[in-house]
């Protein structure tokens, strides 16, 4: 049995939980961080000295932290060829897109857009900066759109690691009260995602509790 520690409103927890659902695995999630607290508990710090979520344990195995490492482990062990191609070059190509999505595309959205708009009190928002950040994010989405096959995904016929990173960001992008101009193909891609049960269950989560709450602190990711 898999166990994941982390609150459902953490975007990194969402990516991991969605990946677990796509792999058809059973999981127990324990709320931690944010209004649940617990990030400084000694037992949790033994699992992740950085005090961030998510953390995963697979049975009696060691605690794993860092969401990308967690997803790679799960894909290697349980994902089959749908998540980890047998050919090393194809696997590396998929990894390259996953790395870019997490470290470039997601980063271009989370703090410059989501945090700066939703997690800053309304009267303190720099909307010129937010609007500029949305345009930069959409330029990166254009790159992703060029990779997504019509009716498909970034690295195959079903969601792979890169899709977990790109896809989980799109829910907030499409639901924030902001002016959007998504690249061609992105809305159709998003429509495919929202029809997936794992996406609906673990990504399409109400993020109202994060409104006006700035700073990682006790939120832990």
N, C-alpha and C. Protein backbone atom coordinates (compact mmCIF):
# COMPACT_ATOMS: atom_id res chain seq x y z
N UNK A 1 0.84 -1.20 0.00
CA UNK A 1 0.00 0.00 0.00
C UNK A 1 0.87 1.24 0.00
N UNK A 2 0.54 2.17 -0.86
CA UNK A 2 1.23 3.46 -0.89
C UNK A 2 0.61 4.41 0.13
N UNK A 3 1.46 5.21 0.75
CA UNK A 3 0.99 6.27 1.64
C UNK A 3 1.63 7.57 1.20
N UNK A 4 0.82 8.60 1.05
CA UNK A 4 1.30 9.93 0.68
C UNK A 4 0.93 10.90 1.79
N UNK A 5 1.90 11.69 2.22
CA UNK A 5 1.67 12.75 3.19
C UNK A 5 1.60 14.07 2.43
N UNK A 6 0.53 14.83 2.65
CA UNK A 6 0.41 16.14 2.01
C UNK A 6 -1.04 16.53 1.82
N UNK A 7 -1.30 17.82 1.93
CA UNK A 7 -2.66 18.36 1.76
C UNK A 7 -3.07 18.32 0.29
N UNK A 8 -4.35 18.20 0.07
CA UNK A 8 -4.85 18.04 -1.30
C UNK A 8 -4.72 19.31 -2.13
N UNK A 9 -4.52 20.48 -1.49
CA UNK A 9 -4.38 21.72 -2.24
C UNK A 9 -2.94 22.02 -2.65
N UNK A 10 -2.01 21.16 -2.28
CA UNK A 10 -0.63 21.32 -2.74
C UNK A 10 -0.52 20.85 -4.19
N UNK A 11 -0.02 21.70 -5.07
CA UNK A 11 0.07 21.32 -6.48
C UNK A 11 1.00 20.14 -6.68
N UNK A 12 2.07 20.04 -5.90
CA UNK A 12 2.98 18.91 -6.04
C UNK A 12 2.32 17.61 -5.56
N UNK A 13 1.54 17.70 -4.50
CA UNK A 13 0.77 16.53 -4.06
C UNK A 13 -0.22 16.12 -5.14
N UNK A 14 -0.85 17.09 -5.77
CA UNK A 14 -1.82 16.79 -6.82
C UNK A 14 -1.18 16.03 -7.97
N UNK A 15 0.01 16.45 -8.39
CA UNK A 15 0.69 15.76 -9.49
C UNK A 15 0.97 14.31 -9.12
N UNK A 16 1.43 14.09 -7.89
CA UNK A 16 1.74 12.73 -7.45
C UNK A 16 0.47 11.89 -7.35
N UNK A 17 -0.57 12.44 -6.75
CA UNK A 17 -1.81 11.68 -6.58
C UNK A 17 -2.45 11.37 -7.93
N UNK A 18 -2.39 12.31 -8.86
CA UNK A 18 -2.93 12.05 -10.20
C UNK A 18 -2.13 10.94 -10.87
N UNK A 19 -0.81 10.99 -10.76
CA UNK A 19 0.01 9.94 -11.34
C UNK A 19 -0.32 8.58 -10.76
N UNK A 20 -0.51 8.51 -9.45
CA UNK A 20 -0.87 7.25 -8.80
C UNK A 20 -2.20 6.74 -9.35
N UNK A 21 -3.16 7.64 -9.53
CA UNK A 21 -4.46 7.24 -10.08
C UNK A 21 -4.32 6.72 -11.50
N UNK A 22 -3.50 7.37 -12.32
CA UNK A 22 -3.32 6.93 -13.70
C UNK A 22 -2.68 5.54 -13.75
N UNK A 23 -1.87 5.21 -12.75
CA UNK A 23 -1.24 3.90 -12.70
C UNK A 23 -2.13 2.85 -12.06
N UNK A 24 -3.30 3.26 -11.58
CA UNK A 24 -4.25 2.31 -11.01
C UNK A 24 -3.84 1.74 -9.67
N UNK A 25 -3.11 2.51 -8.88
CA UNK A 25 -2.57 2.03 -7.61
C UNK A 25 -3.44 2.46 -6.44
N UNK A 26 -3.47 1.63 -5.41
CA UNK A 26 -4.17 1.99 -4.18
C UNK A 26 -3.27 2.90 -3.34
N UNK A 27 -3.88 3.88 -2.70
CA UNK A 27 -3.08 4.84 -1.95
C UNK A 27 -3.90 5.37 -0.78
N UNK A 28 -3.21 5.67 0.29
CA UNK A 28 -3.79 6.38 1.42
C UNK A 28 -3.09 7.72 1.52
N UNK A 29 -3.85 8.80 1.56
CA UNK A 29 -3.25 10.13 1.70
C UNK A 29 -3.54 10.68 3.09
N UNK A 30 -2.50 11.21 3.74
CA UNK A 30 -2.61 11.78 5.08
C UNK A 30 -2.44 13.29 4.96
N UNK A 31 -3.45 14.03 5.40
CA UNK A 31 -3.37 15.49 5.34
C UNK A 31 -2.24 16.01 6.20
N UNK A 32 -1.43 16.89 5.61
CA UNK A 32 -0.29 17.47 6.33
C UNK A 32 0.05 18.80 5.68
N UNK A 33 0.46 19.75 6.48
CA UNK A 33 0.79 21.07 5.97
C UNK A 33 -0.42 21.98 5.94
N UNK A 34 -0.19 23.28 5.76
CA UNK A 34 -1.29 24.23 5.73
C UNK A 34 -2.06 24.22 7.03
N UNK A 35 -3.38 24.20 6.93
CA UNK A 35 -4.21 24.25 8.13
C UNK A 35 -4.10 22.99 8.97
N UNK A 36 -3.49 21.94 8.41
CA UNK A 36 -3.33 20.70 9.16
C UNK A 36 -2.05 20.68 9.99
N UNK A 37 -1.10 21.54 9.65
CA UNK A 37 0.16 21.58 10.40
C UNK A 37 0.94 20.28 10.25
N UNK A 38 1.87 20.05 11.18
CA UNK A 38 2.61 18.80 11.23
C UNK A 38 3.93 18.78 10.52
N UNK A 39 4.28 19.85 9.80
CA UNK A 39 5.51 19.82 9.01
C UNK A 39 6.76 19.87 9.87
N UNK A 40 6.64 20.38 11.09
CA UNK A 40 7.79 20.44 11.98
C UNK A 40 7.81 19.31 12.99
N UNK A 41 6.86 18.40 12.90
CA UNK A 41 6.87 17.26 13.81
C UNK A 41 8.14 16.43 13.60
N UNK A 42 8.80 16.03 14.67
CA UNK A 42 10.05 15.27 14.52
C UNK A 42 9.92 14.03 13.65
N UNK A 43 8.80 13.32 13.76
CA UNK A 43 8.64 12.11 12.97
C UNK A 43 8.54 12.42 11.48
N UNK A 44 7.87 13.54 11.15
CA UNK A 44 7.81 13.91 9.73
C UNK A 44 9.16 14.38 9.24
N UNK A 45 9.89 15.14 10.07
CA UNK A 45 11.21 15.62 9.66
C UNK A 45 12.19 14.47 9.46
N UNK A 46 11.96 13.35 10.10
CA UNK A 46 12.80 12.17 9.83
C UNK A 46 12.56 11.67 8.41
N UNK A 47 11.33 11.80 7.94
CA UNK A 47 11.02 11.36 6.58
C UNK A 47 11.50 12.37 5.55
N UNK A 48 11.31 13.65 5.83
CA UNK A 48 11.79 14.70 4.92
C UNK A 48 12.38 15.84 5.75
N UNK A 49 13.70 15.89 5.86
CA UNK A 49 14.34 16.95 6.67
C UNK A 49 14.00 18.36 6.20
N UNK A 50 13.57 18.52 4.93
CA UNK A 50 13.21 19.84 4.42
C UNK A 50 11.83 20.30 4.89
N UNK A 51 11.04 19.39 5.42
CA UNK A 51 9.73 19.76 5.93
C UNK A 51 8.72 20.16 4.88
N UNK A 52 8.79 19.52 3.71
CA UNK A 52 7.87 19.84 2.61
C UNK A 52 7.08 18.60 2.21
N UNK A 53 5.94 18.83 1.59
CA UNK A 53 5.15 17.74 1.03
C UNK A 53 5.23 17.82 -0.50
N UNK A 54 5.03 16.66 -1.16
CA UNK A 54 4.63 15.36 -0.63
C UNK A 54 5.80 14.51 -0.17
N UNK A 55 5.45 13.52 0.66
CA UNK A 55 6.34 12.42 1.01
C UNK A 55 5.58 11.14 0.72
N UNK A 56 6.28 10.15 0.19
CA UNK A 56 5.65 8.87 -0.13
C UNK A 56 6.40 7.73 0.53
N UNK A 57 5.65 6.76 1.02
CA UNK A 57 6.22 5.48 1.43
C UNK A 57 5.47 4.37 0.70
N UNK A 58 6.24 3.43 0.20
CA UNK A 58 5.69 2.25 -0.47
C UNK A 58 5.90 1.07 0.46
N UNK A 59 4.86 0.68 1.17
CA UNK A 59 5.00 -0.39 2.14
C UNK A 59 5.98 -0.04 3.23
N UNK A 60 6.94 -0.93 3.44
CA UNK A 60 7.96 -0.71 4.48
C UNK A 60 9.22 -0.07 3.92
N UNK A 61 9.17 0.41 2.69
CA UNK A 61 10.34 1.03 2.07
C UNK A 61 10.66 2.37 2.69
N UNK A 62 11.78 2.95 2.28
CA UNK A 62 12.17 4.26 2.83
C UNK A 62 11.23 5.37 2.36
N UNK A 63 11.20 6.44 3.12
CA UNK A 63 10.40 7.60 2.73
C UNK A 63 11.05 8.30 1.56
N UNK A 64 10.26 8.64 0.56
CA UNK A 64 10.74 9.37 -0.61
C UNK A 64 10.15 10.77 -0.59
N UNK A 65 10.97 11.75 -0.90
CA UNK A 65 10.48 13.12 -1.04
C UNK A 65 10.95 13.67 -2.39
N UNK A 66 10.50 14.87 -2.71
CA UNK A 66 10.65 15.51 -4.02
C UNK A 66 9.71 14.83 -5.02
N UNK A 67 8.70 15.57 -5.44
CA UNK A 67 7.62 15.01 -6.24
C UNK A 67 8.09 14.38 -7.54
N UNK A 68 9.08 14.97 -8.21
CA UNK A 68 9.56 14.38 -9.46
C UNK A 68 10.23 13.03 -9.21
N UNK A 69 11.00 12.93 -8.12
CA UNK A 69 11.64 11.66 -7.78
C UNK A 69 10.59 10.61 -7.42
N UNK A 70 9.57 11.03 -6.69
CA UNK A 70 8.48 10.11 -6.34
C UNK A 70 7.82 9.57 -7.60
N UNK A 71 7.49 10.45 -8.53
CA UNK A 71 6.81 10.01 -9.75
C UNK A 71 7.69 9.11 -10.60
N UNK A 72 8.98 9.40 -10.66
CA UNK A 72 9.86 8.53 -11.44
C UNK A 72 9.93 7.14 -10.81
N UNK A 73 10.02 7.09 -9.49
CA UNK A 73 10.02 5.79 -8.82
C UNK A 73 8.75 5.01 -9.15
N UNK A 74 7.61 5.65 -9.00
CA UNK A 74 6.35 4.98 -9.27
C UNK A 74 6.24 4.54 -10.73
N UNK A 75 6.69 5.40 -11.64
CA UNK A 75 6.65 5.05 -13.06
C UNK A 75 7.56 3.87 -13.36
N UNK A 76 8.76 3.87 -12.76
CA UNK A 76 9.70 2.77 -12.98
C UNK A 76 9.16 1.46 -12.43
N UNK A 77 8.54 1.52 -11.28
CA UNK A 77 8.11 0.28 -10.63
C UNK A 77 6.74 -0.19 -11.10
N UNK A 78 5.84 0.74 -11.35
CA UNK A 78 4.45 0.35 -11.59
C UNK A 78 3.86 0.85 -12.91
N UNK A 79 4.53 1.80 -13.57
CA UNK A 79 3.90 2.47 -14.69
C UNK A 79 3.93 1.72 -16.00
N UNK A 80 4.81 0.73 -16.12
CA UNK A 80 4.92 0.02 -17.38
C UNK A 80 5.38 0.92 -18.51
N UNK A 81 5.25 0.44 -19.72
CA UNK A 81 5.75 1.20 -20.87
C UNK A 81 4.91 2.44 -21.15
N UNK A 82 3.71 2.52 -20.58
CA UNK A 82 2.90 3.73 -20.76
C UNK A 82 3.58 4.93 -20.12
N UNK A 83 4.36 4.68 -19.08
CA UNK A 83 5.05 5.76 -18.39
C UNK A 83 6.56 5.73 -18.59
N UNK A 84 7.14 4.56 -18.82
CA UNK A 84 8.60 4.46 -18.95
C UNK A 84 8.91 3.57 -20.14
N UNK A 85 9.29 4.19 -21.24
CA UNK A 85 9.61 3.43 -22.45
C UNK A 85 10.79 2.51 -22.20
N UNK A 86 10.81 1.38 -22.88
CA UNK A 86 11.93 0.45 -22.73
C UNK A 86 13.19 0.99 -23.39
N UNK A 87 13.04 1.69 -24.49
CA UNK A 87 14.19 2.24 -25.20
C UNK A 87 14.79 3.41 -24.41
N UNK A 88 16.09 3.36 -24.10
CA UNK A 88 16.70 4.42 -23.29
C UNK A 88 16.57 5.81 -23.90
N UNK A 89 16.67 5.91 -25.23
CA UNK A 89 16.57 7.22 -25.85
C UNK A 89 15.15 7.78 -25.74
N UNK A 90 14.16 6.94 -25.98
CA UNK A 90 12.77 7.39 -25.84
C UNK A 90 12.47 7.78 -24.40
N UNK A 91 13.03 7.02 -23.47
CA UNK A 91 12.83 7.34 -22.05
C UNK A 91 13.48 8.67 -21.70
N UNK A 92 14.68 8.91 -22.22
CA UNK A 92 15.37 10.17 -21.96
C UNK A 92 14.63 11.34 -22.58
N UNK A 93 14.08 11.14 -23.77
CA UNK A 93 13.31 12.21 -24.42
C UNK A 93 12.10 12.58 -23.57
N UNK A 94 11.39 11.57 -23.06
CA UNK A 94 10.24 11.84 -22.20
C UNK A 94 10.67 12.54 -20.92
N UNK A 95 11.82 12.12 -20.36
CA UNK A 95 12.34 12.76 -19.16
C UNK A 95 12.68 14.22 -19.41
N UNK A 96 13.23 14.51 -20.58
CA UNK A 96 13.59 15.89 -20.91
C UNK A 96 12.36 16.79 -20.89
N UNK A 97 11.26 16.31 -21.47
CA UNK A 97 10.03 17.10 -21.47
C UNK A 97 9.46 17.22 -20.06
N UNK A 98 9.57 16.16 -19.27
CA UNK A 98 9.08 16.23 -17.89
C UNK A 98 9.90 17.23 -17.08
N UNK A 99 11.22 17.22 -17.26
CA UNK A 99 12.07 18.17 -16.53
C UNK A 99 11.76 19.60 -16.94
N UNK A 100 11.61 19.81 -18.24
CA UNK A 100 11.28 21.16 -18.71
C UNK A 100 9.94 21.61 -18.15
N UNK A 101 8.97 20.71 -18.18
CA UNK A 101 7.63 21.09 -17.70
C UNK A 101 7.66 21.47 -16.23
N UNK A 102 8.34 20.68 -15.40
CA UNK A 102 8.36 20.98 -13.97
C UNK A 102 9.18 22.21 -13.65
N UNK A 103 10.37 22.31 -14.23
CA UNK A 103 11.30 23.35 -13.80
C UNK A 103 11.18 24.65 -14.59
N UNK A 104 10.52 24.62 -15.73
CA UNK A 104 10.36 25.84 -16.52
C UNK A 104 8.89 26.27 -16.61
N UNK A 105 8.05 25.40 -17.16
CA UNK A 105 6.66 25.79 -17.37
C UNK A 105 5.91 25.97 -16.04
N UNK A 106 6.00 24.99 -15.16
CA UNK A 106 5.30 25.10 -13.87
C UNK A 106 5.83 26.28 -13.07
N UNK A 107 7.12 26.47 -13.09
CA UNK A 107 7.72 27.58 -12.35
C UNK A 107 7.26 28.93 -12.91
N UNK A 108 7.01 28.98 -14.21
CA UNK A 108 6.54 30.23 -14.83
C UNK A 108 5.11 30.56 -14.43
N UNK A 109 4.39 29.58 -13.90
CA UNK A 109 3.01 29.81 -13.49
C UNK A 109 2.85 29.98 -11.98
N UNK A 110 3.44 29.10 -11.20
CA UNK A 110 3.08 29.03 -9.79
C UNK A 110 3.29 30.34 -9.03
N UNK A 111 4.50 30.82 -8.97
CA UNK A 111 4.73 32.03 -8.19
C UNK A 111 4.37 33.31 -8.96
N UNK A 112 4.79 33.46 -10.23
CA UNK A 112 4.48 34.72 -10.93
C UNK A 112 2.99 34.93 -11.21
N UNK A 113 2.23 33.84 -11.34
CA UNK A 113 0.80 33.98 -11.66
C UNK A 113 -0.06 33.57 -10.46
N UNK A 114 -0.02 32.30 -10.09
CA UNK A 114 -0.94 31.83 -9.05
C UNK A 114 -0.67 32.48 -7.70
N UNK A 115 0.58 32.45 -7.29
CA UNK A 115 0.89 33.08 -6.00
C UNK A 115 0.68 34.58 -6.06
N UNK A 116 1.16 35.23 -7.09
CA UNK A 116 1.10 36.69 -7.17
C UNK A 116 -0.33 37.20 -7.32
N UNK A 117 -1.21 36.37 -7.87
CA UNK A 117 -2.61 36.78 -8.00
C UNK A 117 -3.46 36.24 -6.85
N UNK A 118 -3.50 34.93 -6.71
CA UNK A 118 -4.44 34.32 -5.77
C UNK A 118 -3.97 34.41 -4.31
N UNK A 119 -2.68 34.27 -4.09
CA UNK A 119 -2.19 34.18 -2.72
C UNK A 119 -1.74 35.52 -2.15
N UNK A 120 -1.84 36.56 -2.93
CA UNK A 120 -1.59 37.91 -2.45
C UNK A 120 -2.93 38.57 -2.15
N UNK A 121 -3.09 39.25 -1.01
CA UNK A 121 -4.34 39.96 -0.74
C UNK A 121 -4.69 40.89 -1.90
N UNK A 122 -5.96 40.96 -2.22
CA UNK A 122 -6.42 41.63 -3.44
C UNK A 122 -5.88 43.05 -3.58
N UNK A 123 -5.85 43.81 -2.50
CA UNK A 123 -5.39 45.19 -2.58
C UNK A 123 -3.90 45.35 -2.74
N UNK A 124 -3.16 44.25 -2.64
CA UNK A 124 -1.70 44.31 -2.73
C UNK A 124 -1.17 43.72 -4.04
N UNK A 125 -2.05 43.27 -4.90
CA UNK A 125 -1.61 42.62 -6.14
C UNK A 125 -1.01 43.63 -7.12
N UNK A 126 0.04 43.20 -7.79
CA UNK A 126 0.62 43.97 -8.89
C UNK A 126 0.08 43.37 -10.18
N UNK A 127 -1.06 43.87 -10.64
CA UNK A 127 -1.73 43.23 -11.76
C UNK A 127 -0.97 43.39 -13.07
N UNK A 128 -0.20 44.45 -13.23
CA UNK A 128 0.62 44.57 -14.44
C UNK A 128 1.63 43.43 -14.49
N UNK A 129 2.23 43.12 -13.35
CA UNK A 129 3.20 42.03 -13.30
C UNK A 129 2.51 40.69 -13.53
N UNK A 130 1.33 40.52 -12.96
CA UNK A 130 0.59 39.27 -13.15
C UNK A 130 0.23 39.07 -14.62
N UNK A 131 -0.28 40.12 -15.25
CA UNK A 131 -0.66 40.00 -16.67
C UNK A 131 0.55 39.69 -17.54
N UNK A 132 1.68 40.31 -17.24
CA UNK A 132 2.90 40.01 -18.00
C UNK A 132 3.33 38.57 -17.78
N UNK A 133 3.17 38.07 -16.55
CA UNK A 133 3.54 36.69 -16.25
C UNK A 133 2.63 35.71 -16.97
N UNK A 134 1.35 36.03 -17.09
CA UNK A 134 0.43 35.17 -17.83
C UNK A 134 0.88 35.06 -19.29
N UNK A 135 1.28 36.18 -19.88
CA UNK A 135 1.74 36.14 -21.27
C UNK A 135 3.00 35.28 -21.41
N UNK A 136 3.91 35.39 -20.45
CA UNK A 136 5.13 34.56 -20.51
C UNK A 136 4.78 33.09 -20.36
N UNK A 137 3.85 32.79 -19.47
CA UNK A 137 3.42 31.40 -19.29
C UNK A 137 2.78 30.87 -20.57
N UNK A 138 1.97 31.68 -21.21
CA UNK A 138 1.32 31.24 -22.45
C UNK A 138 2.33 31.02 -23.57
N UNK A 139 3.42 31.77 -23.56
CA UNK A 139 4.48 31.51 -24.54
C UNK A 139 5.09 30.14 -24.31
N UNK A 140 5.21 29.74 -23.05
CA UNK A 140 5.72 28.40 -22.76
C UNK A 140 4.68 27.33 -23.12
N UNK A 141 3.41 27.63 -22.88
CA UNK A 141 2.36 26.70 -23.30
C UNK A 141 2.40 26.48 -24.81
N UNK A 142 2.79 27.50 -25.56
CA UNK A 142 2.90 27.35 -27.01
C UNK A 142 3.92 26.27 -27.36
N UNK A 143 5.00 26.22 -26.60
CA UNK A 143 6.01 25.17 -26.81
C UNK A 143 5.40 23.81 -26.53
N UNK A 144 4.69 23.69 -25.41
CA UNK A 144 4.05 22.42 -25.07
C UNK A 144 3.03 22.03 -26.13
N UNK A 145 2.26 23.01 -26.62
CA UNK A 145 1.24 22.72 -27.63
C UNK A 145 1.84 22.13 -28.89
N UNK A 146 3.05 22.56 -29.23
CA UNK A 146 3.72 22.03 -30.40
C UNK A 146 4.13 20.58 -30.26
N UNK A 147 4.16 20.11 -29.03
CA UNK A 147 4.56 18.73 -28.76
C UNK A 147 3.35 17.79 -28.65
N UNK A 148 2.19 18.36 -28.32
CA UNK A 148 1.00 17.54 -28.07
C UNK A 148 0.38 17.12 -29.40
N UNK A 149 0.26 15.81 -29.60
CA UNK A 149 -0.36 15.31 -30.83
C UNK A 149 -1.86 15.58 -30.79
N UNK A 150 -2.48 15.83 -31.95
CA UNK A 150 -3.93 16.03 -31.97
C UNK A 150 -4.65 14.84 -31.33
N UNK A 151 -5.45 15.13 -30.34
CA UNK A 151 -6.17 14.06 -29.65
C UNK A 151 -5.32 13.27 -28.69
N UNK A 152 -4.05 13.66 -28.52
CA UNK A 152 -3.15 12.88 -27.69
C UNK A 152 -2.52 13.67 -26.57
N UNK A 153 -1.31 13.25 -26.24
CA UNK A 153 -0.62 13.81 -25.08
C UNK A 153 0.82 14.14 -25.46
N UNK A 154 1.63 14.50 -24.49
CA UNK A 154 2.97 15.00 -24.79
C UNK A 154 3.90 13.90 -25.25
N UNK A 155 3.78 12.72 -24.66
CA UNK A 155 4.75 11.67 -24.99
C UNK A 155 4.09 10.35 -25.35
N UNK A 156 2.85 10.39 -25.83
CA UNK A 156 2.22 9.14 -26.19
C UNK A 156 0.71 9.26 -26.28
N UNK A 157 0.05 8.10 -26.26
CA UNK A 157 -1.40 8.06 -26.39
C UNK A 157 -2.12 8.34 -25.08
N UNK A 158 -1.39 8.29 -23.97
CA UNK A 158 -1.97 8.58 -22.66
C UNK A 158 -1.05 9.48 -21.88
N UNK A 159 -1.50 10.00 -20.75
CA UNK A 159 -0.67 10.91 -19.97
C UNK A 159 0.62 10.24 -19.49
N UNK A 160 1.73 10.95 -19.63
CA UNK A 160 3.01 10.52 -19.10
C UNK A 160 3.49 11.51 -18.06
N UNK A 161 4.75 11.40 -17.66
CA UNK A 161 5.27 12.26 -16.61
C UNK A 161 5.17 13.74 -16.98
N UNK A 162 5.49 14.09 -18.22
CA UNK A 162 5.41 15.49 -18.62
C UNK A 162 3.97 16.01 -18.54
N UNK A 163 3.01 15.17 -18.91
CA UNK A 163 1.61 15.58 -18.84
C UNK A 163 1.17 15.85 -17.41
N UNK A 164 1.70 15.09 -16.46
CA UNK A 164 1.34 15.31 -15.06
C UNK A 164 1.72 16.72 -14.63
N UNK A 165 2.88 17.20 -15.10
CA UNK A 165 3.32 18.54 -14.72
C UNK A 165 2.58 19.62 -15.50
N UNK A 166 2.49 19.47 -16.80
CA UNK A 166 1.77 20.47 -17.59
C UNK A 166 0.29 20.48 -17.20
N UNK A 167 -0.30 19.31 -17.12
CA UNK A 167 -1.74 19.20 -16.92
C UNK A 167 -2.23 19.72 -15.60
N UNK A 168 -1.49 19.44 -14.52
CA UNK A 168 -2.03 19.86 -13.22
C UNK A 168 -2.02 21.39 -13.09
N UNK A 169 -1.14 22.06 -13.84
CA UNK A 169 -1.09 23.52 -13.82
C UNK A 169 -2.29 24.13 -14.55
N UNK A 170 -2.80 23.42 -15.55
CA UNK A 170 -3.85 24.00 -16.39
C UNK A 170 -5.16 24.22 -15.65
N UNK A 171 -5.46 23.40 -14.64
CA UNK A 171 -6.72 23.61 -13.92
C UNK A 171 -6.77 25.01 -13.31
N UNK A 172 -5.70 25.41 -12.65
CA UNK A 172 -5.70 26.74 -12.05
C UNK A 172 -5.62 27.83 -13.12
N UNK A 173 -4.88 27.56 -14.17
CA UNK A 173 -4.80 28.54 -15.27
C UNK A 173 -6.18 28.83 -15.83
N UNK A 174 -6.98 27.79 -16.05
CA UNK A 174 -8.28 27.98 -16.68
C UNK A 174 -9.38 28.41 -15.70
N UNK A 175 -9.13 28.36 -14.41
CA UNK A 175 -10.19 28.71 -13.46
C UNK A 175 -9.93 30.01 -12.69
N UNK A 176 -8.71 30.54 -12.74
CA UNK A 176 -8.48 31.85 -12.14
C UNK A 176 -9.20 32.94 -12.94
N UNK A 177 -9.62 33.98 -12.26
CA UNK A 177 -10.34 35.08 -12.91
C UNK A 177 -9.33 36.03 -13.57
N UNK A 178 -8.73 35.54 -14.65
CA UNK A 178 -7.73 36.29 -15.39
C UNK A 178 -8.06 36.24 -16.88
N UNK A 179 -7.61 37.22 -17.62
CA UNK A 179 -7.76 37.20 -19.08
C UNK A 179 -6.74 36.22 -19.64
N UNK A 180 -7.23 35.27 -20.42
CA UNK A 180 -6.38 34.22 -20.98
C UNK A 180 -6.40 34.24 -22.50
N UNK A 181 -5.32 33.79 -23.09
CA UNK A 181 -5.25 33.60 -24.54
C UNK A 181 -4.46 32.32 -24.79
N UNK A 182 -5.06 31.17 -24.48
CA UNK A 182 -4.31 29.91 -24.59
C UNK A 182 -3.95 29.60 -26.04
N UNK A 183 -2.79 29.02 -26.27
CA UNK A 183 -2.40 28.63 -27.62
C UNK A 183 -3.35 27.60 -28.20
N UNK A 184 -3.39 27.54 -29.51
CA UNK A 184 -4.24 26.56 -30.20
C UNK A 184 -3.90 25.16 -29.72
N UNK A 185 -4.92 24.39 -29.44
CA UNK A 185 -4.73 23.01 -29.02
C UNK A 185 -4.72 22.81 -27.53
N UNK A 186 -4.44 23.85 -26.75
CA UNK A 186 -4.34 23.68 -25.30
C UNK A 186 -5.70 23.46 -24.66
N UNK A 187 -6.73 24.17 -25.13
CA UNK A 187 -8.06 23.96 -24.55
C UNK A 187 -8.57 22.55 -24.84
N UNK A 188 -8.33 22.05 -26.04
CA UNK A 188 -8.75 20.68 -26.36
C UNK A 188 -7.99 19.67 -25.50
N UNK A 189 -6.71 19.92 -25.29
CA UNK A 189 -5.89 19.07 -24.42
C UNK A 189 -6.45 19.09 -23.00
N UNK A 190 -6.76 20.27 -22.50
CA UNK A 190 -7.34 20.41 -21.16
C UNK A 190 -8.68 19.68 -21.07
N UNK A 191 -9.49 19.78 -22.10
CA UNK A 191 -10.78 19.07 -22.11
C UNK A 191 -10.58 17.57 -22.00
N UNK A 192 -9.53 17.05 -22.62
CA UNK A 192 -9.26 15.62 -22.49
C UNK A 192 -8.87 15.27 -21.06
N UNK A 193 -8.11 16.15 -20.44
CA UNK A 193 -7.66 15.88 -19.07
C UNK A 193 -8.83 15.86 -18.09
N UNK A 194 -9.74 16.82 -18.20
CA UNK A 194 -10.81 16.91 -17.21
C UNK A 194 -11.76 15.72 -17.29
N UNK A 195 -11.72 14.98 -18.38
CA UNK A 195 -12.55 13.78 -18.50
C UNK A 195 -11.90 12.56 -17.88
N UNK A 196 -10.66 12.70 -17.43
CA UNK A 196 -9.96 11.58 -16.80
C UNK A 196 -10.30 11.57 -15.31
N UNK A 197 -10.78 10.44 -14.78
CA UNK A 197 -11.21 10.39 -13.38
C UNK A 197 -10.13 10.81 -12.39
N UNK A 198 -8.89 10.42 -12.63
CA UNK A 198 -7.82 10.78 -11.71
C UNK A 198 -7.56 12.27 -11.68
N UNK A 199 -7.68 12.91 -12.82
CA UNK A 199 -7.50 14.36 -12.90
C UNK A 199 -8.62 15.06 -12.14
N UNK A 200 -9.85 14.62 -12.38
CA UNK A 200 -10.99 15.24 -11.71
C UNK A 200 -10.89 15.08 -10.19
N UNK A 201 -10.44 13.93 -9.74
CA UNK A 201 -10.40 13.65 -8.31
C UNK A 201 -9.27 14.38 -7.59
N UNK A 202 -8.11 14.51 -8.23
CA UNK A 202 -6.92 14.97 -7.51
C UNK A 202 -6.39 16.32 -7.95
N UNK A 203 -6.80 16.80 -9.10
CA UNK A 203 -6.31 18.09 -9.59
C UNK A 203 -7.40 19.16 -9.52
N UNK A 204 -8.62 18.79 -9.86
CA UNK A 204 -9.72 19.76 -9.86
C UNK A 204 -10.24 19.95 -8.44
N UNK A 205 -9.36 20.50 -7.61
CA UNK A 205 -9.60 20.65 -6.17
C UNK A 205 -9.78 22.13 -5.85
N UNK A 206 -10.77 22.43 -5.03
CA UNK A 206 -11.02 23.81 -4.61
C UNK A 206 -9.79 24.37 -3.90
N UNK A 207 -9.28 25.48 -4.41
CA UNK A 207 -8.09 26.09 -3.80
C UNK A 207 -8.43 27.36 -3.03
N UNK A 208 -9.70 27.50 -2.63
CA UNK A 208 -10.13 28.69 -1.91
C UNK A 208 -9.37 28.94 -0.63
N UNK A 209 -8.94 27.89 0.06
CA UNK A 209 -8.23 28.08 1.33
C UNK A 209 -6.88 28.78 1.15
N UNK A 210 -6.38 28.85 -0.08
CA UNK A 210 -5.09 29.48 -0.33
C UNK A 210 -5.21 30.97 -0.62
N UNK A 211 -6.43 31.48 -0.76
CA UNK A 211 -6.60 32.88 -1.16
C UNK A 211 -6.03 33.83 -0.11
N UNK A 212 -5.16 34.71 -0.57
CA UNK A 212 -4.58 35.72 0.30
C UNK A 212 -3.55 35.20 1.28
N UNK A 213 -3.10 33.96 1.08
CA UNK A 213 -2.12 33.36 1.99
C UNK A 213 -0.79 33.29 1.27
N UNK A 214 0.12 34.19 1.59
CA UNK A 214 1.41 34.25 0.92
C UNK A 214 2.49 33.61 1.79
N UNK A 215 3.45 32.98 1.14
CA UNK A 215 4.61 32.45 1.85
C UNK A 215 4.45 30.96 2.09
N UNK A 216 5.53 30.22 1.86
CA UNK A 216 5.45 28.77 2.01
C UNK A 216 5.24 28.39 3.47
N UNK A 217 6.15 28.83 4.34
CA UNK A 217 5.98 28.61 5.77
C UNK A 217 5.36 27.28 6.11
N UNK A 218 4.24 27.35 6.85
CA UNK A 218 3.60 26.13 7.33
C UNK A 218 2.81 25.42 6.25
N UNK A 219 2.75 25.99 5.04
CA UNK A 219 2.00 25.31 3.97
C UNK A 219 2.80 24.17 3.37
N UNK A 220 4.10 24.30 3.34
CA UNK A 220 4.94 23.17 2.99
C UNK A 220 4.90 22.72 1.56
N UNK A 221 4.61 23.62 0.61
CA UNK A 221 4.63 23.24 -0.79
C UNK A 221 3.32 23.51 -1.48
